[in-house]
Amino acid sequence: MSSSTYLHVRTPRISCPHCGVKAVAVPWARARCGFTLLLEKAAMTLAKHMPVLAIARFLQEHDTHLWRIISYYVEEARKREDFSQVSQIAVDETSSRRGHRYITLIVDSQERRVLFATEGKDAGTIQAFKADLRAHHGKVKKIQEVCMDLSPAFREGTAKAFPRAKRTFDRYHTVRLVNEALDQVRRQEQKVHP
């Protein structure tokens, strides 16, 4: 049996002829949020470990409300990000859903932290990261190395966005290409010399 607690508070309001109606800020909730800070903290803690839809079921709340909470705190955290020391990045994409929907991730290779994530896997994603890097005090000239897969879009985007950076192709994709080439040679050799 589950129980719920509802907190109903009528906060004092004032009507200002210049500013409009203003409500008094309460210490247990953000302005116009509709949730207590404790519930928001619980939702954010759970978001580290489980999908938002599962959290919504657990908290008996609509997932769009939870996404608003998550978006707010992610944006607040991103405002404080400082990319001024970033000099080596790695770029990769992952499938976000079935089909051909991708998310490009860019990470700081030295600090091992995600710097940027965006939909798509084209050269424009690298340009979008360049703008985000600048917005967070990063310097384009300071990027010395970019590690990525062999994607033509990433190669093109990196060449335009970070022309001074060395480009390194990641080991996984390079080894895969070498293994495919080796298998091809083995098949040809097998036909000639069984």
N, C-alpha and C. Protein backbone atom coordinates (compact mmCIF):
# COMPACT_ATOMS: atom_id res chain seq x y z
N MET A 1 0.84 -1.18 0.00
CA MET A 1 0.00 0.00 0.00
C MET A 1 0.89 1.24 0.00
N SER A 2 0.67 2.11 -0.97
CA SER A 2 1.49 3.32 -1.04
C SER A 2 0.71 4.50 -0.48
N SER A 3 1.45 5.40 0.08
CA SER A 3 0.81 6.60 0.60
C SER A 3 1.47 7.82 -0.03
N SER A 4 0.73 8.87 -0.16
CA SER A 4 1.23 10.10 -0.75
C SER A 4 1.07 11.25 0.23
N THR A 5 1.97 12.19 0.12
CA THR A 5 1.88 13.39 0.94
C THR A 5 1.74 14.59 0.01
N TYR A 6 0.76 15.41 0.27
CA TYR A 6 0.54 16.62 -0.52
C TYR A 6 0.72 17.83 0.39
N LEU A 7 1.45 18.78 -0.06
CA LEU A 7 1.70 19.99 0.70
C LEU A 7 0.98 21.13 -0.01
N HIS A 8 -0.04 21.65 0.62
CA HIS A 8 -0.80 22.77 0.06
C HIS A 8 -0.48 24.02 0.87
N VAL A 9 0.08 25.01 0.23
CA VAL A 9 0.47 26.23 0.91
C VAL A 9 -0.01 27.41 0.08
N ARG A 10 -0.64 28.31 0.72
CA ARG A 10 -1.05 29.54 0.04
C ARG A 10 -0.01 30.59 0.38
N THR A 11 0.89 30.85 -0.57
CA THR A 11 1.98 31.78 -0.31
C THR A 11 1.48 33.22 -0.45
N PRO A 12 1.98 34.10 0.40
CA PRO A 12 1.57 35.52 0.30
C PRO A 12 1.98 36.11 -1.05
N ARG A 13 1.11 36.93 -1.59
CA ARG A 13 1.36 37.60 -2.87
C ARG A 13 1.14 39.10 -2.70
N ILE A 14 1.88 39.85 -3.50
CA ILE A 14 1.67 41.29 -3.52
C ILE A 14 1.45 41.72 -4.97
N SER A 15 0.73 42.77 -5.14
CA SER A 15 0.47 43.30 -6.47
C SER A 15 1.20 44.62 -6.61
N CYS A 16 2.18 44.66 -7.48
CA CYS A 16 2.97 45.87 -7.72
C CYS A 16 2.50 46.49 -9.03
N PRO A 17 2.24 47.79 -9.04
CA PRO A 17 1.78 48.42 -10.29
C PRO A 17 2.83 48.37 -11.41
N HIS A 18 4.11 48.25 -11.06
CA HIS A 18 5.18 48.23 -12.06
C HIS A 18 5.58 46.81 -12.45
N CYS A 19 5.65 45.90 -11.47
CA CYS A 19 6.16 44.54 -11.71
C CYS A 19 5.06 43.50 -11.90
N GLY A 20 3.85 43.79 -11.50
CA GLY A 20 2.78 42.80 -11.54
C GLY A 20 2.67 42.07 -10.23
N VAL A 21 2.05 40.90 -10.26
CA VAL A 21 1.86 40.11 -9.04
C VAL A 21 3.14 39.34 -8.74
N LYS A 22 3.59 39.42 -7.51
CA LYS A 22 4.78 38.72 -7.05
C LYS A 22 4.42 37.83 -5.87
N ALA A 23 4.92 36.59 -5.90
CA ALA A 23 4.69 35.67 -4.79
C ALA A 23 5.96 35.61 -3.94
N VAL A 24 5.78 35.37 -2.66
CA VAL A 24 6.91 35.23 -1.74
C VAL A 24 7.62 33.91 -2.04
N ALA A 25 8.94 33.95 -2.09
CA ALA A 25 9.72 32.72 -2.31
C ALA A 25 9.66 31.85 -1.06
N VAL A 26 9.49 30.55 -1.26
CA VAL A 26 9.44 29.62 -0.13
C VAL A 26 10.76 28.84 -0.08
N PRO A 27 11.19 28.45 1.11
CA PRO A 27 12.50 27.79 1.22
C PRO A 27 12.50 26.33 0.78
N TRP A 28 11.35 25.72 0.54
CA TRP A 28 11.30 24.30 0.23
C TRP A 28 11.06 24.01 -1.26
N ALA A 29 10.99 25.04 -2.10
CA ALA A 29 10.73 24.80 -3.52
C ALA A 29 11.27 25.93 -4.37
N ARG A 30 11.57 25.61 -5.63
CA ARG A 30 11.93 26.63 -6.60
C ARG A 30 10.67 27.38 -7.03
N ALA A 31 10.82 28.59 -7.46
CA ALA A 31 9.68 29.39 -7.90
C ALA A 31 8.99 28.74 -9.10
N ARG A 32 7.68 28.67 -9.04
CA ARG A 32 6.82 28.14 -10.10
C ARG A 32 7.19 26.74 -10.57
N CYS A 33 7.75 25.94 -9.70
CA CYS A 33 8.15 24.58 -10.09
C CYS A 33 7.04 23.57 -9.85
N GLY A 34 6.39 23.67 -8.71
CA GLY A 34 5.33 22.72 -8.40
C GLY A 34 5.79 21.51 -7.61
N PHE A 35 7.09 21.39 -7.38
CA PHE A 35 7.63 20.27 -6.60
C PHE A 35 8.52 20.81 -5.49
N THR A 36 8.63 20.03 -4.42
CA THR A 36 9.54 20.42 -3.35
C THR A 36 10.97 20.14 -3.80
N LEU A 37 11.92 20.80 -3.16
CA LEU A 37 13.32 20.56 -3.47
C LEU A 37 13.71 19.12 -3.14
N LEU A 38 13.09 18.55 -2.11
CA LEU A 38 13.39 17.18 -1.73
C LEU A 38 12.96 16.19 -2.81
N LEU A 39 11.79 16.41 -3.41
CA LEU A 39 11.35 15.53 -4.49
C LEU A 39 12.26 15.71 -5.71
N GLU A 40 12.65 16.94 -6.01
CA GLU A 40 13.56 17.17 -7.13
C GLU A 40 14.89 16.46 -6.89
N LYS A 41 15.39 16.52 -5.65
CA LYS A 41 16.65 15.84 -5.33
C LYS A 41 16.50 14.33 -5.50
N ALA A 42 15.38 13.79 -5.07
CA ALA A 42 15.13 12.35 -5.23
C ALA A 42 15.10 11.99 -6.71
N ALA A 43 14.42 12.78 -7.51
CA ALA A 43 14.32 12.51 -8.95
C ALA A 43 15.70 12.56 -9.60
N MET A 44 16.51 13.54 -9.24
CA MET A 44 17.85 13.66 -9.83
C MET A 44 18.76 12.52 -9.39
N THR A 45 18.63 12.09 -8.15
CA THR A 45 19.42 10.96 -7.68
C THR A 45 19.04 9.69 -8.43
N LEU A 46 17.75 9.46 -8.59
CA LEU A 46 17.28 8.29 -9.32
C LEU A 46 17.67 8.34 -10.79
N ALA A 47 17.72 9.55 -11.37
CA ALA A 47 18.04 9.70 -12.79
C ALA A 47 19.45 9.22 -13.12
N LYS A 48 20.31 9.17 -12.13
CA LYS A 48 21.66 8.66 -12.36
C LYS A 48 21.65 7.14 -12.57
N HIS A 49 20.59 6.48 -12.10
CA HIS A 49 20.61 5.02 -12.06
C HIS A 49 19.51 4.32 -12.84
N MET A 50 18.51 5.07 -13.29
CA MET A 50 17.41 4.41 -13.98
C MET A 50 16.76 5.33 -15.01
N PRO A 51 16.04 4.75 -15.96
CA PRO A 51 15.38 5.57 -16.99
C PRO A 51 14.30 6.46 -16.39
N VAL A 52 14.05 7.59 -17.06
CA VAL A 52 13.09 8.57 -16.56
C VAL A 52 11.68 7.99 -16.49
N LEU A 53 11.31 7.15 -17.44
CA LEU A 53 9.98 6.54 -17.41
C LEU A 53 9.79 5.67 -16.16
N ALA A 54 10.84 4.95 -15.77
CA ALA A 54 10.78 4.14 -14.54
C ALA A 54 10.67 5.03 -13.30
N ILE A 55 11.38 6.15 -13.31
CA ILE A 55 11.29 7.10 -12.18
C ILE A 55 9.87 7.65 -12.11
N ALA A 56 9.29 7.97 -13.27
CA ALA A 56 7.93 8.52 -13.31
C ALA A 56 6.94 7.54 -12.70
N ARG A 57 7.09 6.27 -13.04
CA ARG A 57 6.20 5.26 -12.45
C ARG A 57 6.40 5.17 -10.93
N PHE A 58 7.66 5.17 -10.52
CA PHE A 58 7.98 5.05 -9.11
C PHE A 58 7.44 6.23 -8.31
N LEU A 59 7.61 7.44 -8.84
CA LEU A 59 7.16 8.65 -8.14
C LEU A 59 5.70 8.99 -8.44
N GLN A 60 5.09 8.22 -9.32
CA GLN A 60 3.70 8.44 -9.72
C GLN A 60 3.52 9.86 -10.25
N GLU A 61 4.40 10.22 -11.16
CA GLU A 61 4.41 11.54 -11.76
C GLU A 61 4.60 11.40 -13.26
N HIS A 62 4.15 12.37 -14.03
CA HIS A 62 4.30 12.31 -15.48
C HIS A 62 5.76 12.54 -15.85
N ASP A 63 6.26 11.78 -16.84
CA ASP A 63 7.68 11.89 -17.19
C ASP A 63 8.06 13.26 -17.75
N THR A 64 7.13 13.97 -18.39
CA THR A 64 7.47 15.30 -18.90
C THR A 64 7.81 16.28 -17.76
N HIS A 65 7.15 16.11 -16.62
CA HIS A 65 7.48 16.94 -15.45
C HIS A 65 8.89 16.63 -14.97
N LEU A 66 9.24 15.35 -14.98
CA LEU A 66 10.58 14.95 -14.53
C LEU A 66 11.65 15.44 -15.51
N TRP A 67 11.34 15.39 -16.81
CA TRP A 67 12.30 15.90 -17.80
C TRP A 67 12.55 17.39 -17.59
N ARG A 68 11.53 18.14 -17.19
CA ARG A 68 11.72 19.57 -16.91
C ARG A 68 12.67 19.78 -15.73
N ILE A 69 12.51 18.96 -14.71
CA ILE A 69 13.41 19.04 -13.55
C ILE A 69 14.84 18.73 -13.98
N ILE A 70 15.02 17.63 -14.70
CA ILE A 70 16.35 17.21 -15.15
C ILE A 70 16.96 18.29 -16.04
N SER A 71 16.19 18.81 -16.99
CA SER A 71 16.70 19.85 -17.89
C SER A 71 17.15 21.08 -17.12
N TYR A 72 16.37 21.47 -16.13
CA TYR A 72 16.72 22.65 -15.34
C TYR A 72 18.08 22.46 -14.66
N TYR A 73 18.26 21.34 -13.97
CA TYR A 73 19.50 21.14 -13.23
C TYR A 73 20.69 20.87 -14.14
N VAL A 74 20.47 20.23 -15.27
CA VAL A 74 21.56 20.03 -16.23
C VAL A 74 22.01 21.39 -16.78
N GLU A 75 21.05 22.23 -17.14
CA GLU A 75 21.40 23.56 -17.65
C GLU A 75 22.12 24.40 -16.59
N GLU A 76 21.66 24.31 -15.35
CA GLU A 76 22.32 25.04 -14.26
C GLU A 76 23.76 24.56 -14.08
N ALA A 77 23.97 23.25 -14.14
CA ALA A 77 25.32 22.70 -14.00
C ALA A 77 26.19 23.09 -15.19
N ARG A 78 25.62 23.07 -16.39
CA ARG A 78 26.39 23.43 -17.59
C ARG A 78 26.81 24.90 -17.57
N LYS A 79 26.03 25.76 -16.95
CA LYS A 79 26.41 27.17 -16.87
C LYS A 79 27.73 27.35 -16.11
N ARG A 80 28.01 26.44 -15.19
CA ARG A 80 29.22 26.55 -14.36
C ARG A 80 30.42 25.81 -14.96
N GLU A 81 30.23 25.13 -16.09
CA GLU A 81 31.31 24.37 -16.71
C GLU A 81 32.42 25.31 -17.20
N ASP A 82 33.65 24.86 -17.06
CA ASP A 82 34.81 25.62 -17.52
C ASP A 82 35.67 24.70 -18.39
N PHE A 83 35.73 25.00 -19.68
CA PHE A 83 36.50 24.19 -20.63
C PHE A 83 37.86 24.82 -20.95
N SER A 84 38.32 25.75 -20.14
CA SER A 84 39.54 26.48 -20.45
C SER A 84 40.78 25.59 -20.48
N GLN A 85 40.76 24.46 -19.81
CA GLN A 85 41.93 23.58 -19.77
C GLN A 85 41.85 22.42 -20.76
N VAL A 86 40.79 22.35 -21.53
CA VAL A 86 40.60 21.23 -22.47
C VAL A 86 41.56 21.37 -23.65
N SER A 87 42.35 20.31 -23.88
CA SER A 87 43.28 20.33 -25.01
C SER A 87 43.20 19.07 -25.87
N GLN A 88 42.60 18.01 -25.33
CA GLN A 88 42.45 16.76 -26.09
C GLN A 88 41.01 16.29 -25.98
N ILE A 89 40.40 16.05 -27.14
CA ILE A 89 39.01 15.59 -27.12
C ILE A 89 38.88 14.30 -27.91
N ALA A 90 37.83 13.57 -27.61
CA ALA A 90 37.47 12.37 -28.37
C ALA A 90 36.03 12.53 -28.82
N VAL A 91 35.77 12.13 -30.06
CA VAL A 91 34.45 12.27 -30.67
C VAL A 91 33.95 10.89 -31.07
N ASP A 92 32.71 10.58 -30.72
CA ASP A 92 32.10 9.32 -31.14
C ASP A 92 30.60 9.51 -31.18
N GLU A 93 29.94 8.61 -31.86
CA GLU A 93 28.48 8.67 -31.90
C GLU A 93 27.91 7.36 -31.39
N THR A 94 26.68 7.45 -30.95
CA THR A 94 25.96 6.27 -30.50
C THR A 94 24.53 6.38 -31.00
N SER A 95 23.89 5.24 -31.16
CA SER A 95 22.52 5.24 -31.63
C SER A 95 21.60 5.60 -30.47
N SER A 96 20.71 6.57 -30.68
CA SER A 96 19.82 6.99 -29.60
C SER A 96 18.54 6.17 -29.58
N ARG A 97 18.14 5.68 -30.73
CA ARG A 97 16.95 4.83 -30.84
C ARG A 97 17.16 3.87 -31.98
N ARG A 98 16.25 2.96 -32.15
CA ARG A 98 16.35 2.05 -33.29
C ARG A 98 16.26 2.86 -34.58
N GLY A 99 16.93 2.37 -35.59
CA GLY A 99 16.96 3.10 -36.84
C GLY A 99 18.22 3.94 -36.89
N HIS A 100 18.18 4.98 -37.66
CA HIS A 100 19.37 5.81 -37.86
C HIS A 100 19.24 7.14 -37.15
N ARG A 101 19.01 7.10 -35.85
CA ARG A 101 18.99 8.31 -35.03
C ARG A 101 20.21 8.25 -34.12
N TYR A 102 21.07 9.23 -34.26
CA TYR A 102 22.35 9.20 -33.55
C TYR A 102 22.52 10.40 -32.63
N ILE A 103 23.39 10.19 -31.65
CA ILE A 103 23.82 11.26 -30.74
C ILE A 103 25.35 11.28 -30.81
N THR A 104 25.90 12.46 -31.03
CA THR A 104 27.35 12.62 -31.01
C THR A 104 27.78 13.05 -29.61
N LEU A 105 28.79 12.38 -29.10
CA LEU A 105 29.35 12.69 -27.79
C LEU A 105 30.78 13.19 -27.96
N ILE A 106 31.12 14.24 -27.26
CA ILE A 106 32.49 14.74 -27.26
C ILE A 106 32.96 14.78 -25.82
N VAL A 107 34.10 14.13 -25.59
CA VAL A 107 34.61 14.01 -24.21
C VAL A 107 36.01 14.61 -24.10
N ASP A 108 36.34 15.02 -22.91
CA ASP A 108 37.68 15.48 -22.58
C ASP A 108 38.51 14.22 -22.34
N SER A 109 39.48 13.96 -23.20
CA SER A 109 40.27 12.72 -23.11
C SER A 109 41.12 12.66 -21.85
N GLN A 110 41.54 13.80 -21.35
CA GLN A 110 42.39 13.80 -20.16
C GLN A 110 41.58 13.66 -18.88
N GLU A 111 40.49 14.42 -18.76
CA GLU A 111 39.69 14.39 -17.54
C GLU A 111 38.61 13.30 -17.56
N ARG A 112 38.41 12.68 -18.72
CA ARG A 112 37.42 11.61 -18.89
C ARG A 112 36.03 12.05 -18.44
N ARG A 113 35.57 13.15 -19.05
CA ARG A 113 34.24 13.66 -18.75
C ARG A 113 33.57 14.09 -20.05
N VAL A 114 32.27 13.95 -20.08
CA VAL A 114 31.52 14.36 -21.26
C VAL A 114 31.45 15.88 -21.28
N LEU A 115 31.82 16.46 -22.41
CA LEU A 115 31.77 17.90 -22.57
C LEU A 115 30.51 18.34 -23.31
N PHE A 116 30.08 17.52 -24.26
CA PHE A 116 29.02 17.95 -25.17
C PHE A 116 28.32 16.74 -25.74
N ALA A 117 27.02 16.83 -25.89
CA ALA A 117 26.22 15.79 -26.53
C ALA A 117 25.15 16.48 -27.37
N THR A 118 24.96 15.98 -28.59
CA THR A 118 23.96 16.58 -29.47
C THR A 118 23.44 15.53 -30.44
N GLU A 119 22.25 15.76 -30.97
CA GLU A 119 21.69 14.85 -31.95
C GLU A 119 22.44 14.96 -33.26
N GLY A 120 22.51 13.84 -33.97
CA GLY A 120 23.14 13.80 -35.29
C GLY A 120 24.56 13.29 -35.22
N LYS A 121 25.13 13.06 -36.41
CA LYS A 121 26.53 12.62 -36.49
C LYS A 121 27.18 13.18 -37.75
N ASP A 122 26.94 14.45 -38.01
CA ASP A 122 27.49 15.08 -39.20
C ASP A 122 28.54 16.12 -38.80
N ALA A 123 29.10 16.78 -39.80
CA ALA A 123 30.13 17.79 -39.55
C ALA A 123 29.60 18.95 -38.71
N GLY A 124 28.31 19.20 -38.80
CA GLY A 124 27.69 20.28 -38.03
C GLY A 124 27.77 20.06 -36.52
N THR A 125 27.84 18.80 -36.10
CA THR A 125 27.94 18.53 -34.66
C THR A 125 29.27 19.03 -34.11
N ILE A 126 30.31 18.95 -34.92
CA ILE A 126 31.62 19.44 -34.49
C ILE A 126 31.59 20.97 -34.40
N GLN A 127 30.94 21.61 -35.37
CA GLN A 127 30.81 23.07 -35.34
C GLN A 127 30.00 23.51 -34.12
N ALA A 128 28.95 22.74 -33.79
CA ALA A 128 28.14 23.07 -32.61
C ALA A 128 28.98 22.96 -31.35
N PHE A 129 29.85 21.94 -31.28
CA PHE A 129 30.74 21.81 -30.12
C PHE A 129 31.71 22.98 -30.05
N LYS A 130 32.22 23.41 -31.18
CA LYS A 130 33.15 24.54 -31.21
C LYS A 130 32.51 25.77 -30.56
N ALA A 131 31.26 26.03 -30.91
CA ALA A 131 30.54 27.17 -30.31
C ALA A 131 30.35 26.97 -28.81
N ASP A 132 30.03 25.73 -28.40
CA ASP A 132 29.84 25.42 -26.99
C ASP A 132 31.16 25.53 -26.22
N LEU A 133 32.23 25.11 -26.85
CA LEU A 133 33.56 25.23 -26.24
C LEU A 133 33.87 26.68 -25.91
N ARG A 134 33.63 27.56 -26.88
CA ARG A 134 33.87 28.99 -26.66
C ARG A 134 32.96 29.55 -25.57
N ALA A 135 31.71 29.10 -25.55
CA ALA A 135 30.76 29.59 -24.56
C ALA A 135 31.16 29.20 -23.13
N HIS A 136 32.00 28.18 -23.00
CA HIS A 136 32.44 27.71 -21.69
C HIS A 136 33.93 27.99 -21.46
N HIS A 137 34.41 29.10 -22.03
CA HIS A 137 35.77 29.60 -21.81
C HIS A 137 36.87 28.74 -22.43
N GLY A 138 36.51 27.83 -23.33
CA GLY A 138 37.51 27.02 -24.02
C GLY A 138 38.11 27.78 -25.19
N LYS A 139 39.31 27.41 -25.57
CA LYS A 139 40.01 28.05 -26.69
C LYS A 139 40.19 27.04 -27.82
N VAL A 140 39.75 27.43 -29.01
CA VAL A 140 39.87 26.56 -30.18
C VAL A 140 41.34 26.26 -30.45
N LYS A 141 42.22 27.25 -30.30
CA LYS A 141 43.65 27.06 -30.56
C LYS A 141 44.30 26.10 -29.57
N LYS A 142 43.68 25.94 -28.41
CA LYS A 142 44.25 25.08 -27.37
C LYS A 142 44.00 23.58 -27.64
N ILE A 143 43.03 23.27 -28.51
CA ILE A 143 42.75 21.87 -28.82
C ILE A 143 43.89 21.33 -29.67
N GLN A 144 44.68 20.43 -29.09
CA GLN A 144 45.87 19.89 -29.75
C GLN A 144 45.61 18.57 -30.46
N GLU A 145 44.66 17.78 -29.94
CA GLU A 145 44.42 16.46 -30.51
C GLU A 145 42.94 16.10 -30.45
N VAL A 146 42.49 15.48 -31.55
CA VAL A 146 41.12 15.00 -31.63
C VAL A 146 41.18 13.53 -32.01
N CYS A 147 40.62 12.69 -31.15
CA CYS A 147 40.54 11.25 -31.43
C CYS A 147 39.11 10.97 -31.89
N MET A 148 38.98 10.22 -33.00
CA MET A 148 37.64 9.98 -33.56
C MET A 148 37.65 8.71 -34.37
N ASP A 149 36.46 8.30 -34.81
CA ASP A 149 36.38 7.17 -35.73
C ASP A 149 36.67 7.67 -37.14
N LEU A 150 36.55 6.82 -38.11
CA LEU A 150 36.93 7.17 -39.48
C LEU A 150 35.81 7.84 -40.27
N SER A 151 34.81 8.33 -39.61
CA SER A 151 33.67 8.97 -40.26
C SER A 151 34.12 10.17 -41.10
N PRO A 152 33.75 10.20 -42.38
CA PRO A 152 34.10 11.36 -43.21
C PRO A 152 33.52 12.66 -42.65
N ALA A 153 32.33 12.60 -42.07
CA ALA A 153 31.71 13.80 -41.51
C ALA A 153 32.54 14.34 -40.34
N PHE A 154 33.00 13.47 -39.46
CA PHE A 154 33.82 13.91 -38.33
C PHE A 154 35.16 14.45 -38.81
N ARG A 155 35.75 13.79 -39.82
CA ARG A 155 37.03 14.26 -40.35
C ARG A 155 36.89 15.66 -40.94
N GLU A 156 35.82 15.86 -41.72
CA GLU A 156 35.57 17.16 -42.34
C GLU A 156 35.30 18.23 -41.28
N GLY A 157 34.42 17.90 -40.33
CA GLY A 157 34.07 18.86 -39.27
C GLY A 157 35.26 19.24 -38.42
N THR A 158 36.10 18.26 -38.10
CA THR A 158 37.28 18.52 -37.28
C THR A 158 38.30 19.36 -38.03
N ALA A 159 38.48 19.06 -39.31
CA ALA A 159 39.44 19.84 -40.11
C ALA A 159 39.04 21.31 -40.17
N LYS A 160 37.74 21.58 -40.26
CA LYS A 160 37.27 22.96 -40.32
C LYS A 160 37.28 23.64 -38.95
N ALA A 161 36.82 22.92 -37.94
CA ALA A 161 36.67 23.53 -36.60
C ALA A 161 38.00 23.64 -35.86
N PHE A 162 38.85 22.62 -36.00
CA PHE A 162 40.12 22.58 -35.26
C PHE A 162 41.27 22.28 -36.22
N PRO A 163 41.59 23.23 -37.11
CA PRO A 163 42.59 22.95 -38.15
C PRO A 163 44.00 22.66 -37.62
N ARG A 164 44.33 23.16 -36.45
CA ARG A 164 45.67 22.95 -35.88
C ARG A 164 45.80 21.62 -35.13
N ALA A 165 44.70 21.00 -34.82
CA ALA A 165 44.73 19.79 -33.99
C ALA A 165 45.18 18.57 -34.80
N LYS A 166 45.93 17.71 -34.14
CA LYS A 166 46.28 16.41 -34.73
C LYS A 166 45.05 15.54 -34.66
N ARG A 167 44.81 14.78 -35.71
CA ARG A 167 43.66 13.89 -35.73
C ARG A 167 44.15 12.45 -35.60
N THR A 168 43.62 11.76 -34.61
CA THR A 168 43.97 10.38 -34.35
C THR A 168 42.71 9.54 -34.51
N PHE A 169 42.85 8.42 -35.20
CA PHE A 169 41.70 7.53 -35.36
C PHE A 169 41.73 6.51 -34.23
N ASP A 170 40.57 6.30 -33.61
CA ASP A 170 40.55 5.46 -32.42
C ASP A 170 40.90 4.02 -32.73
N ARG A 171 41.46 3.35 -31.75
CA ARG A 171 42.01 2.01 -31.88
C ARG A 171 40.94 1.00 -32.31
N TYR A 172 39.76 1.10 -31.74
CA TYR A 172 38.70 0.13 -32.04
C TYR A 172 38.42 0.09 -33.54
N HIS A 173 38.18 1.26 -34.15
CA HIS A 173 37.84 1.29 -35.57
C HIS A 173 39.03 0.94 -36.45
N THR A 174 40.22 1.35 -36.04
CA THR A 174 41.42 1.02 -36.81
C THR A 174 41.67 -0.48 -36.80
N VAL A 175 41.59 -1.11 -35.65
CA VAL A 175 41.80 -2.56 -35.54
C VAL A 175 40.73 -3.31 -36.34
N ARG A 176 39.50 -2.83 -36.30
CA ARG A 176 38.43 -3.46 -37.07
C ARG A 176 38.74 -3.44 -38.56
N LEU A 177 39.22 -2.31 -39.06
CA LEU A 177 39.59 -2.21 -40.48
C LEU A 177 40.74 -3.15 -40.83
N VAL A 178 41.75 -3.21 -39.97
CA VAL A 178 42.88 -4.10 -40.21
C VAL A 178 42.40 -5.55 -40.22
N ASN A 179 41.54 -5.93 -39.28
CA ASN A 179 41.02 -7.30 -39.24
C ASN A 179 40.19 -7.64 -40.47
N GLU A 180 39.38 -6.69 -40.94
CA GLU A 180 38.59 -6.93 -42.16
C GLU A 180 39.50 -7.11 -43.36
N ALA A 181 40.55 -6.30 -43.46
CA ALA A 181 41.51 -6.43 -44.57
C ALA A 181 42.25 -7.75 -44.49
N LEU A 182 42.63 -8.15 -43.28
CA LEU A 182 43.32 -9.43 -43.09
C LEU A 182 42.42 -10.59 -43.49
N ASP A 183 41.15 -10.55 -43.12
CA ASP A 183 40.20 -11.60 -43.50
C ASP A 183 40.05 -11.68 -45.02
N GLN A 184 40.02 -10.53 -45.67
CA GLN A 184 39.91 -10.50 -47.13
C GLN A 184 41.12 -11.18 -47.77
N VAL A 185 42.32 -10.85 -47.27
CA VAL A 185 43.54 -11.46 -47.79
C VAL A 185 43.53 -12.96 -47.53
N ARG A 186 43.09 -13.39 -46.36
CA ARG A 186 43.03 -14.83 -46.04
C ARG A 186 42.09 -15.56 -46.99
N ARG A 187 40.94 -14.95 -47.30
CA ARG A 187 39.99 -15.58 -48.22
C ARG A 187 40.60 -15.72 -49.61
N GLN A 188 41.30 -14.67 -50.06
CA GLN A 188 41.93 -14.73 -51.39
C GLN A 188 43.03 -15.77 -51.41
N GLU A 189 43.84 -15.82 -50.34
CA GLU A 189 44.92 -16.82 -50.24
C GLU A 189 44.35 -18.23 -50.21
N GLN A 190 43.24 -18.41 -49.54
CA GLN A 190 42.61 -19.73 -49.41
C GLN A 190 42.17 -20.24 -50.77
N LYS A 191 41.71 -19.35 -51.64
CA LYS A 191 41.29 -19.75 -52.99
C LYS A 191 42.48 -20.20 -53.82
N VAL A 192 43.62 -19.49 -53.68
CA VAL A 192 44.79 -19.78 -54.48
C VAL A 192 45.60 -20.93 -53.87
N HIS A 193 45.80 -20.92 -52.55
CA HIS A 193 46.58 -21.93 -51.83
C HIS A 193 45.75 -22.54 -50.71
N PRO A 194 44.93 -23.55 -51.06
CA PRO A 194 44.02 -24.10 -50.02
C PRO A 194 44.71 -24.76 -48.85
